[in-house]
Amino acid sequence: MKAYDPRLGISGHVLRQAGESGRAALVAYLPVGFPSVPGSLAAMRAVIEGTDGVGADLVEIGMPYSDPMMDGLAAVRNIVEYA
């Protein structure tokens, strides 16, 4: 493992560590507060813990935007389908 580089930040170090291990990092995306605040917190815990203690390396937390299309079509379809 290479020396700590403060320029990378936490996510940069996670990505570098995954690369050094010969694997891709799993990055999950979750919209904050969807379907509810407690529901989004539970979803974040589940994504991080995964199954058998192996979950996502990073979680990107999406902030609601006034124009849902700014999040992209896939996100809009999922939000509409499960809302």
Protein backbone atom coordinates (compact mmCIF):
# COMPACT_ATOMS: atom_id res chain seq x y z
CA MET A 1 0.00 0.00 0.00
CA LYS A 2 1.29 3.42 -0.92
CA ALA A 3 1.89 6.19 1.60
CA TYR A 4 -1.01 8.38 2.66
CA ASP A 5 -1.57 11.24 0.21
CA PRO A 6 -3.76 14.01 1.70
CA ARG A 7 -4.63 15.27 -1.79
CA LEU A 8 -6.72 12.17 -2.51
CA GLY A 9 -9.25 12.54 0.28
CA ILE A 10 -11.16 9.60 1.71
CA SER A 11 -12.83 8.57 -1.55
CA GLY A 12 -9.55 8.73 -3.45
CA HIS A 13 -7.91 6.42 -0.94
CA VAL A 14 -10.81 3.96 -1.10
CA LEU A 15 -10.60 3.89 -4.90
CA ARG A 16 -6.83 3.49 -4.86
CA GLN A 17 -7.03 0.69 -2.30
CA ALA A 18 -9.56 -1.18 -4.43
CA GLY A 19 -7.36 -0.76 -7.50
CA GLU A 20 -4.31 -2.02 -5.64
CA SER A 21 -6.37 -5.06 -4.61
CA GLY A 22 -7.09 -5.76 -8.28
CA ARG A 23 -10.77 -5.01 -8.15
CA ALA A 24 -13.18 -2.22 -9.00
CA ALA A 25 -14.71 -0.23 -6.18
CA LEU A 26 -18.44 -0.58 -5.66
CA VAL A 27 -20.00 2.88 -5.44
CA ALA A 28 -23.69 3.06 -4.54
CA TYR A 29 -25.94 6.06 -5.18
CA LEU A 30 -28.85 6.84 -2.89
CA PRO A 31 -31.06 9.93 -2.85
CA VAL A 32 -31.17 11.37 0.67
CA GLY A 33 -34.61 11.33 2.27
CA PHE A 34 -36.14 8.85 -0.18
CA PRO A 35 -38.56 7.27 0.48
CA SER A 36 -38.30 8.90 3.93
CA VAL A 37 -35.44 10.07 6.12
CA PRO A 38 -35.50 6.92 8.30
CA GLY A 39 -35.89 4.82 5.14
CA SER A 40 -32.91 6.44 3.46
CA LEU A 41 -30.76 5.95 6.57
CA ALA A 42 -31.74 2.28 6.69
CA ALA A 43 -30.93 1.93 2.99
CA MET A 44 -27.50 3.50 3.52
CA ARG A 45 -26.74 1.11 6.37
CA ALA A 46 -27.86 -1.86 4.26
CA VAL A 47 -25.72 -0.80 1.29
CA ILE A 48 -22.64 -0.32 3.47
CA GLU A 49 -23.10 -3.56 5.43
CA GLY A 50 -24.16 -5.58 2.39
CA THR A 51 -24.64 -9.30 2.67
CA ASP A 52 -22.26 -11.28 4.84
CA GLY A 53 -20.60 -8.03 5.92
CA VAL A 54 -19.46 -7.13 2.39
CA GLY A 55 -21.05 -3.98 1.06
CA ALA A 56 -20.33 -0.91 -1.01
CA ASP A 57 -16.95 0.77 -0.78
CA LEU A 58 -18.45 4.25 -1.11
CA VAL A 59 -21.94 5.74 -1.02
CA GLU A 60 -22.78 8.81 -3.05
CA ILE A 61 -25.62 10.66 -1.36
CA GLY A 62 -27.77 12.57 -3.82
CA MET A 63 -29.38 15.82 -2.77
CA PRO A 64 -32.89 16.53 -4.12
CA TYR A 65 -32.89 19.05 -6.95
CA SER A 66 -35.76 21.22 -8.13
CA ASP A 67 -35.48 19.68 -11.61
CA PRO A 68 -35.54 15.87 -11.21
CA MET A 69 -34.15 15.37 -14.73
CA MET A 70 -30.83 16.80 -13.52
CA ASP A 71 -30.33 13.49 -11.67
CA GLY A 72 -30.67 11.58 -14.94
CA LEU A 73 -33.35 9.44 -16.47
CA ALA A 74 -32.51 6.26 -14.54
CA ALA A 75 -32.82 8.02 -11.18
CA VAL A 76 -36.08 9.70 -12.20
CA ARG A 77 -37.58 6.39 -13.36
CA ASN A 78 -36.67 4.68 -10.07
CA ILE A 79 -38.02 7.51 -7.94
CA VAL A 80 -41.29 7.65 -9.91
CA GLU A 81 -41.67 3.86 -9.83
CA TYR A 82 -41.16 3.53 -6.07
CA ALA A 83 -42.72 6.79 -4.86
